Amino acid sequence: MRKIFETAGFLIAALGLTGLCRHYLGWAPFGVVRRVLPFGQDVLWINIVLVVVGGLVMVTPDLVEDARR
């Protein structure tokens, strides 16, 4: 289960980072994935939220494990 959360968090953060690249640099390495997303692609705050949420999802298994000890 831990690997699933870490993988999902990494993918969410990667989507946010590609959105930031597209916003600031004008290109996106994963353009096909960005076109599939249902929400605004060029909105800066959505990309920042995706990076933060992705980071939180990656850290969550460690926090839960520490709380159980």
C-alpha atoms as a PDB file:
ATOM      1  CA  MET A   1       0.000   0.000   0.000  1.00  0.00           C
ATOM      2  CA  ARG A   2       2.914   2.295   0.747  1.00  0.00           C
ATOM      3  CA  LYS A   3       4.273   1.977  -2.799  1.00  0.00           C
ATOM      4  CA  ILE A   4       0.863   2.819  -4.239  1.00  0.00           C
ATOM      5  CA  PHE A   5       0.708   6.073  -2.262  1.00  0.00           C
ATOM      6  CA  GLU A   6       4.271   6.996  -3.171  1.00  0.00           C
ATOM      7  CA  THR A   7       3.672   6.297  -6.858  1.00  0.00           C
ATOM      8  CA  ALA A   8       0.377   8.216  -6.913  1.00  0.00           C
ATOM      9  CA  GLY A   9       1.980  11.146  -5.091  1.00  0.00           C
ATOM     10  CA  PHE A  10       4.879  11.202  -7.507  1.00  0.00           C
ATOM     11  CA  LEU A  11       2.534  11.222 -10.510  1.00  0.00           C
ATOM     12  CA  ILE A  12       0.422  14.031  -9.042  1.00  0.00           C
ATOM     13  CA  ALA A  13       3.524  16.085  -8.259  1.00  0.00           C
ATOM     14  CA  ALA A  14       4.912  15.407 -11.736  1.00  0.00           C
ATOM     15  CA  LEU A  15       1.704  16.741 -13.302  1.00  0.00           C
ATOM     16  CA  GLY A  16       2.014  19.883 -11.210  1.00  0.00           C
ATOM     17  CA  LEU A  17       5.661  20.346 -12.156  1.00  0.00           C
ATOM     18  CA  THR A  18       4.939  19.925 -15.858  1.00  0.00           C
ATOM     19  CA  GLY A  19       2.188  22.507 -15.502  1.00  0.00           C
ATOM     20  CA  LEU A  20       4.666  24.915 -13.928  1.00  0.00           C
ATOM     21  CA  CYS A  21       7.121  24.241 -16.758  1.00  0.00           C
ATOM     22  CA  ARG A  22       4.404  24.976 -19.272  1.00  0.00           C
ATOM     23  CA  HIS A  23       3.378  28.155 -17.466  1.00  0.00           C
ATOM     24  CA  TYR A  24       6.883  29.599 -17.119  1.00  0.00           C
ATOM     25  CA  LEU A  25       8.766  28.098 -20.063  1.00  0.00           C
ATOM     26  CA  GLY A  26       5.988  27.619 -22.603  1.00  0.00           C
ATOM     27  CA  TRP A  27       6.504  23.891 -23.155  1.00  0.00           C
ATOM     28  CA  ALA A  28       5.380  20.724 -21.418  1.00  0.00           C
ATOM     29  CA  PRO A  29       7.226  17.408 -21.657  1.00  0.00           C
ATOM     30  CA  PHE A  30       3.995  15.436 -21.101  1.00  0.00           C
ATOM     31  CA  GLY A  31       1.639  17.378 -23.346  1.00  0.00           C
ATOM     32  CA  VAL A  32      -0.650  14.423 -23.998  1.00  0.00           C
ATOM     33  CA  VAL A  33      -1.345  13.933 -20.282  1.00  0.00           C
ATOM     34  CA  ARG A  34      -1.991  17.639 -19.780  1.00  0.00           C
ATOM     35  CA  ARG A  35      -4.679  17.650 -22.498  1.00  0.00           C
ATOM     36  CA  VAL A  36      -6.623  14.867 -20.771  1.00  0.00           C
ATOM     37  CA  LEU A  37      -7.027  16.707 -17.446  1.00  0.00           C
ATOM     38  CA  PRO A  38     -10.544  18.125 -17.023  1.00  0.00           C
ATOM     39  CA  PHE A  39      -9.566  21.323 -15.185  1.00  0.00           C
ATOM     40  CA  GLY A  40      -7.671  24.436 -16.246  1.00  0.00           C
ATOM     41  CA  GLN A  41      -4.246  23.648 -17.598  1.00  0.00           C
ATOM     42  CA  ASP A  42      -2.660  27.083 -17.584  1.00  0.00           C
ATOM     43  CA  VAL A  43      -3.856  28.241 -14.173  1.00  0.00           C
ATOM     44  CA  LEU A  44      -0.819  28.710 -11.954  1.00  0.00           C
ATOM     45  CA  TRP A  45      -2.453  28.006  -8.590  1.00  0.00           C
ATOM     46  CA  ILE A  46      -3.786  24.619  -9.734  1.00  0.00           C
ATOM     47  CA  ASN A  47      -0.275  23.515 -10.642  1.00  0.00           C
ATOM     48  CA  ILE A  48       1.080  24.665  -7.279  1.00  0.00           C
ATOM     49  CA  VAL A  49      -1.717  22.791  -5.479  1.00  0.00           C
ATOM     50  CA  LEU A  50      -0.925  19.643  -7.480  1.00  0.00           C
ATOM     51  CA  VAL A  51       2.735  19.797  -6.422  1.00  0.00           C
ATOM     52  CA  VAL A  52       1.811  20.291  -2.747  1.00  0.00           C
ATOM     53  CA  VAL A  53      -0.854  17.566  -2.745  1.00  0.00           C
ATOM     54  CA  GLY A  54       1.504  15.179  -4.518  1.00  0.00           C
ATOM     55  CA  GLY A  55       4.147  15.819  -1.876  1.00  0.00           C
ATOM     56  CA  LEU A  56       1.632  15.252   0.915  1.00  0.00           C
ATOM     57  CA  VAL A  57       0.444  11.984  -0.620  1.00  0.00           C
ATOM     58  CA  MET A  58       4.058  10.794  -0.850  1.00  0.00           C
ATOM     59  CA  VAL A  59       4.741  11.656   2.818  1.00  0.00           C
ATOM     60  CA  THR A  60       1.463  10.275   4.227  1.00  0.00           C
ATOM     61  CA  PRO A  61       2.604   6.617   4.611  1.00  0.00           C
ATOM     62  CA  ASP A  62       5.600   7.749   6.673  1.00  0.00           C
ATOM     63  CA  LEU A  63       3.414   9.908   8.919  1.00  0.00           C
ATOM     64  CA  VAL A  64       0.928   7.086   9.495  1.00  0.00           C
ATOM     65  CA  GLU A  65       3.729   4.640  10.267  1.00  0.00           C
ATOM     66  CA  ASP A  66       5.293   7.043  12.794  1.00  0.00           C
ATOM     67  CA  ALA A  67       1.913   7.631  14.459  1.00  0.00           C
ATOM     68  CA  ARG A  68       1.373   3.888  14.966  1.00  0.00           C
ATOM     69  CA  ARG A  69       4.604   3.499  16.935  1.00  0.00           C
END
